[in-house]
Amino acid sequence: MNLDLTDKTALVCGSTQGIGRATAIELALLGATVVLVARNEETLKKTLTELNTGKGQVHRYIVADFSQPGAVAKAIAEYLAVFPEMHILINNTGGPAGGPLIDAKADEFVQTFHNHLLNNQTLVQAVVPAMKQAGYGRIVNIISTSVKQPIVGLGVSNTIRGAVAQWAKTLSLEIARFGITVNNVLPGYTQTGRLEAVLAMRSKTSGKSKAEVAIQMESEIPTGRFVTPEEVAAAVAFLCTPAAASINGINVPVDGGKTGSL
């Protein structure tokens, strides 16, 4: 099985923490040159030192704030003008604050749409020409199991992530003939800052402690525990390899079996 990403370059968004960071580390271990993208330069520099360079890679980073799509487009364009090679794109952006859908304000939808779908579109338009030229491209969007089963209390996130999944499926049909695949990885309850926020929200609404909420949530997972960022990263990395060339346009839950739908 060919899992070698030597001579491949990967742009990894939200790559200084959680799933994004774990993905960057995994891709570097497989031989890829990694370009980190996040808004905090100090954490970018720190993460850069954690990436494997066993295949002679020179990893880099881009400072960009995903709440400002125009600034993201400018930063990526400036990078590609100097380093035009790109084979892998990992779209990964933190989700919006939770809460009932009925209480959500219009600007929450607009901002989340900008942060997720429009930024994804901007990045794809920037890197696909290089992927076409190389005859190799992997686009993996880290979304959520809410694509298959909406999560109570995350109304805005459920709505926009569903739109991202439809966008990705459509894109997968358009560009596969160029050797470019598009897939979505759907993390379940994963040990990240996002999970901590969900635990705090549910603790507040239920009156239970965070520890009690965590135990209840883990009991709903067939494997009996939360997912680790490294487990999600492993699925993402596999989809980026030559071995996954015919896997295209799918949603892959990494959730310990919790999602009720097929």
Protein backbone atom coordinates (compact mmCIF):
# COMPACT_ATOMS: atom_id res chain seq x y z
CA MET A 1 0.00 0.00 0.00
CA ASN A 2 1.47 3.33 -1.09
CA LEU A 3 1.28 5.80 1.80
CA ASP A 4 4.36 7.78 0.76
CA LEU A 5 3.87 11.56 0.54
CA THR A 6 7.50 12.38 -0.23
CA ASP A 7 7.72 15.37 -2.62
CA LYS A 8 4.11 16.32 -1.86
CA THR A 9 3.22 19.69 -0.30
CA ALA A 10 0.26 20.01 2.07
CA LEU A 11 -1.52 23.18 3.18
CA VAL A 12 -3.08 22.50 6.60
CA CYS A 13 -5.52 25.02 8.06
CA GLY A 14 -6.06 25.50 11.78
CA SER A 15 -2.85 23.58 12.28
CA THR A 16 -1.57 24.79 15.66
CA GLN A 17 -3.97 22.84 17.86
CA GLY A 18 -6.30 19.88 18.00
CA ILE A 19 -7.07 17.93 14.84
CA GLY A 20 -5.27 20.37 12.55
CA ARG A 21 -2.02 20.09 14.49
CA ALA A 22 -2.27 16.29 14.68
CA THR A 23 -2.89 16.16 10.93
CA ALA A 24 0.13 18.32 10.16
CA ILE A 25 2.31 16.05 12.29
CA GLU A 26 0.97 12.91 10.59
CA LEU A 27 1.43 14.26 7.06
CA ALA A 28 5.02 15.23 7.84
CA LEU A 29 5.67 11.71 9.15
CA LEU A 30 4.49 10.37 5.78
CA GLY A 31 7.03 12.60 4.03
CA ALA A 32 4.99 15.64 3.05
CA THR A 33 6.24 19.18 3.20
CA VAL A 34 3.71 20.96 5.39
CA VAL A 35 2.54 24.56 5.20
CA LEU A 36 0.83 25.49 8.45
CA VAL A 37 -1.97 28.08 8.44
CA ALA A 38 -3.32 29.80 11.56
CA ARG A 39 -3.63 33.30 12.99
CA ASN A 40 -1.07 33.18 15.82
CA GLU A 41 2.50 33.39 14.60
CA GLU A 42 4.05 32.27 17.86
CA THR A 43 2.06 29.03 17.97
CA LEU A 44 2.79 28.50 14.27
CA LYS A 45 6.52 28.71 14.97
CA LYS A 46 6.19 26.30 17.87
CA THR A 47 4.21 23.77 15.82
CA LEU A 48 6.77 24.02 13.03
CA THR A 49 9.41 22.58 15.37
CA GLU A 50 7.22 19.53 16.04
CA LEU A 51 7.10 18.41 12.40
CA ASN A 52 9.25 15.54 11.16
CA THR A 53 11.91 16.44 8.58
CA GLY A 54 13.22 12.93 7.93
CA LYS A 55 12.66 13.26 4.17
CA GLY A 56 14.48 16.56 3.95
CA GLN A 57 11.33 18.66 4.13
CA VAL A 58 11.44 22.40 4.73
CA HIS A 59 8.15 23.17 6.44
CA ARG A 60 6.66 26.67 6.35
CA TYR A 61 3.74 28.64 7.73
CA ILE A 62 1.25 31.32 6.72
CA VAL A 63 -0.35 33.73 9.19
CA ALA A 64 -4.05 34.15 8.34
CA ASP A 65 -7.27 34.83 10.24
CA PHE A 66 -10.17 32.79 8.89
CA SER A 67 -12.71 35.31 10.13
CA GLN A 68 -11.43 37.54 7.31
CA PRO A 69 -11.78 35.67 3.98
CA GLY A 70 -10.26 38.55 2.00
CA ALA A 71 -7.13 38.49 4.12
CA VAL A 72 -6.89 34.70 3.76
CA ALA A 73 -7.08 34.98 -0.02
CA LYS A 74 -4.34 37.61 -0.04
CA ALA A 75 -2.04 35.62 2.26
CA ILE A 76 -2.41 32.42 0.23
CA ALA A 77 -1.88 34.23 -3.08
CA GLU A 78 1.31 35.82 -1.76
CA TYR A 79 2.62 32.45 -0.61
CA LEU A 80 1.82 30.67 -3.89
CA ALA A 81 3.51 33.43 -5.87
CA VAL A 82 6.78 32.36 -4.24
CA PHE A 83 6.11 28.63 -3.67
CA PRO A 84 3.60 27.56 -6.34
CA GLU A 85 3.65 23.80 -5.71
CA MET A 86 0.67 22.36 -3.82
CA HIS A 87 -0.78 18.84 -3.74
CA ILE A 88 -2.87 18.60 -0.58
CA LEU A 89 -5.35 20.96 1.08
CA ILE A 90 -6.79 20.32 4.54
CA ASN A 91 -9.73 22.63 5.23
CA ASN A 92 -10.18 22.92 8.98
CA THR A 93 -11.81 25.79 10.85
CA GLY A 94 -13.18 26.00 14.39
CA GLY A 95 -16.95 25.91 14.78
CA PRO A 96 -19.26 28.69 16.00
CA ALA A 97 -20.63 29.06 19.50
CA GLY A 98 -23.40 26.65 20.40
CA GLY A 99 -27.01 27.35 21.22
CA PRO A 100 -30.57 26.60 20.02
CA LEU A 101 -31.20 27.30 16.33
CA ILE A 102 -34.32 29.35 17.16
CA ASP A 103 -32.18 31.86 19.09
CA ALA A 104 -29.50 32.29 16.42
CA LYS A 105 -29.08 35.71 14.83
CA ALA A 106 -28.69 36.18 11.09
CA ASP A 107 -25.12 37.46 11.39
CA GLU A 108 -24.09 34.23 13.13
CA PHE A 109 -25.05 32.30 10.00
CA VAL A 110 -23.31 34.82 7.76
CA GLN A 111 -20.05 34.79 9.74
CA THR A 112 -20.00 31.00 9.97
CA PHE A 113 -20.71 30.72 6.23
CA HIS A 114 -17.76 33.04 5.57
CA ASN A 115 -15.45 31.18 7.98
CA HIS A 116 -16.20 27.77 6.56
CA LEU A 117 -17.65 27.57 3.06
CA LEU A 118 -16.29 30.79 1.56
CA ASN A 119 -12.80 30.25 2.97
CA ASN A 120 -12.85 26.70 1.61
CA GLN A 121 -13.87 28.00 -1.80
CA THR A 122 -11.14 30.64 -1.73
CA LEU A 123 -8.47 28.10 -0.85
CA VAL A 124 -9.64 25.59 -3.44
CA GLN A 125 -9.58 28.19 -6.19
CA ALA A 126 -6.06 29.13 -5.16
CA VAL A 127 -4.54 25.63 -5.08
CA VAL A 128 -6.42 23.59 -7.68
CA PRO A 129 -4.43 25.00 -10.64
CA ALA A 130 -1.22 23.66 -9.06
CA MET A 131 -2.91 20.31 -8.38
CA LYS A 132 -4.05 20.07 -12.00
CA GLN A 133 -0.54 20.78 -13.21
CA ALA A 134 0.86 18.07 -10.92
CA GLY A 135 -1.87 15.59 -11.85
CA TYR A 136 -2.29 14.92 -8.13
CA GLY A 137 -4.59 16.58 -5.62
CA ARG A 138 -6.20 15.72 -2.31
CA ILE A 139 -8.73 18.03 -0.67
CA VAL A 140 -9.96 16.91 2.73
CA ASN A 141 -12.49 18.92 4.68
CA ILE A 142 -12.68 18.34 8.42
CA ILE A 143 -16.36 18.91 9.21
CA SER A 144 -18.51 17.10 11.82
CA THR A 145 -20.77 14.09 12.25
CA SER A 146 -23.61 16.63 12.26
CA VAL A 147 -23.51 16.23 8.47
CA LYS A 148 -25.16 12.86 9.02
CA GLN A 149 -26.92 13.44 12.34
CA PRO A 150 -27.57 16.98 13.65
CA ILE A 151 -26.16 17.66 17.11
CA VAL A 152 -28.57 19.21 19.63
CA GLY A 153 -27.42 22.65 20.75
CA LEU A 154 -25.24 23.34 17.70
CA GLY A 155 -27.87 24.76 15.35
CA VAL A 156 -25.76 27.18 13.34
CA SER A 157 -22.90 24.71 13.03
CA ASN A 158 -25.26 21.92 11.86
CA THR A 159 -26.68 24.20 9.18
CA ILE A 160 -23.43 25.49 7.71
CA ARG A 161 -21.54 22.21 7.94
CA GLY A 162 -24.31 20.59 5.93
CA ALA A 163 -23.78 23.22 3.25
CA VAL A 164 -20.02 22.50 3.25
CA ALA A 165 -20.69 18.80 2.73
CA GLN A 166 -22.89 19.54 -0.30
CA TRP A 167 -20.25 21.92 -1.66
CA ALA A 168 -17.58 19.24 -1.29
CA LYS A 169 -19.64 16.55 -3.00
CA THR A 170 -20.34 18.83 -5.95
CA LEU A 171 -16.67 19.77 -6.22
CA SER A 172 -15.64 16.10 -6.13
CA LEU A 173 -17.69 15.48 -9.27
CA GLU A 174 -16.11 18.37 -11.13
CA ILE A 175 -12.39 17.89 -10.60
CA ALA A 176 -11.83 14.14 -10.15
CA ARG A 177 -10.80 13.77 -13.81
CA PHE A 178 -7.70 15.84 -13.05
CA GLY A 179 -6.47 13.35 -10.43
CA ILE A 180 -7.91 15.44 -7.58
CA THR A 181 -10.15 13.90 -4.93
CA VAL A 182 -12.40 15.68 -2.44
CA ASN A 183 -13.51 14.00 0.77
CA ASN A 184 -14.89 14.94 4.18
CA VAL A 185 -13.77 13.58 7.54
CA LEU A 186 -16.42 13.86 10.23
CA PRO A 187 -15.01 13.86 13.78
CA GLY A 188 -17.30 12.83 16.59
CA TYR A 189 -16.68 13.83 20.19
CA THR A 190 -12.94 14.49 20.01
CA GLN A 191 -10.58 15.58 22.78
CA THR A 192 -10.10 19.18 21.66
CA GLY A 193 -10.92 22.67 22.86
CA ARG A 194 -14.21 22.39 20.98
CA LEU A 195 -15.24 19.43 23.14
CA GLU A 196 -14.38 21.39 26.26
CA ALA A 197 -16.73 24.15 25.09
CA VAL A 198 -19.52 21.63 24.46
CA LEU A 199 -19.00 20.09 27.91
CA ALA A 200 -19.20 23.53 29.51
CA MET A 201 -22.36 24.40 27.57
CA ARG A 202 -24.10 21.16 28.51
CA SER A 203 -22.98 21.48 32.10
CA LYS A 204 -24.52 24.94 32.30
CA THR A 205 -27.85 23.91 30.75
CA SER A 206 -28.19 20.63 32.66
CA GLY A 207 -26.87 21.70 36.06
CA LYS A 208 -24.52 18.73 36.08
CA SER A 209 -20.75 18.92 36.49
CA LYS A 210 -18.53 18.73 33.41
CA ALA A 211 -17.26 15.35 34.64
CA GLU A 212 -20.82 14.02 34.86
CA VAL A 213 -21.63 15.34 31.39
CA ALA A 214 -18.47 13.75 29.99
CA ILE A 215 -19.38 10.35 31.47
CA GLN A 216 -22.87 10.58 29.99
CA MET A 217 -21.52 11.55 26.55
CA GLU A 218 -18.94 8.76 26.55
CA SER A 219 -21.66 6.26 27.43
CA GLU A 220 -23.35 7.13 24.12
CA ILE A 221 -20.24 6.07 22.14
CA PRO A 222 -20.00 2.34 21.32
CA THR A 223 -16.24 2.36 21.98
CA GLY A 224 -16.92 3.95 25.37
CA ARG A 225 -14.51 6.86 25.05
CA PHE A 226 -13.85 10.13 23.26
CA VAL A 227 -11.87 10.12 20.01
CA THR A 228 -8.30 11.47 20.03
CA PRO A 229 -7.10 14.11 17.55
CA GLU A 230 -4.46 11.63 16.35
CA GLU A 231 -7.15 9.11 15.37
CA VAL A 232 -8.93 11.70 13.24
CA ALA A 233 -5.59 12.77 11.75
CA ALA A 234 -4.84 9.19 10.71
CA ALA A 235 -8.04 9.07 8.63
CA VAL A 236 -7.31 12.46 7.09
CA ALA A 237 -3.73 11.48 6.22
CA PHE A 238 -4.79 8.21 4.59
CA LEU A 239 -7.19 10.06 2.27
CA CYS A 240 -4.23 12.21 1.17
CA THR A 241 -2.09 9.25 0.06
CA PRO A 242 -1.72 7.62 -3.37
CA ALA A 243 -3.43 4.54 -1.90
CA ALA A 244 -6.69 6.51 -1.61
CA ALA A 245 -6.79 7.60 -5.25
CA SER A 246 -10.25 6.14 -5.93
CA ILE A 247 -11.88 7.32 -2.71
CA ASN A 248 -13.76 10.43 -3.75
CA GLY A 249 -16.81 12.40 -2.64
CA ILE A 250 -17.46 10.59 0.63
CA ASN A 251 -18.07 11.43 4.29
CA VAL A 252 -15.96 9.44 6.76
CA PRO A 253 -17.13 9.54 10.39
CA VAL A 254 -14.40 9.07 12.99
CA ASP A 255 -16.60 8.85 16.05
CA GLY A 256 -16.26 5.46 17.71
CA GLY A 257 -19.48 4.33 16.01
CA LYS A 258 -21.79 6.89 17.60
CA THR A 259 -23.44 8.18 14.42
CA GLY A 260 -26.76 6.36 14.04
CA SER A 261 -27.05 6.55 10.25
CA LEU A 262 -25.20 4.42 7.69
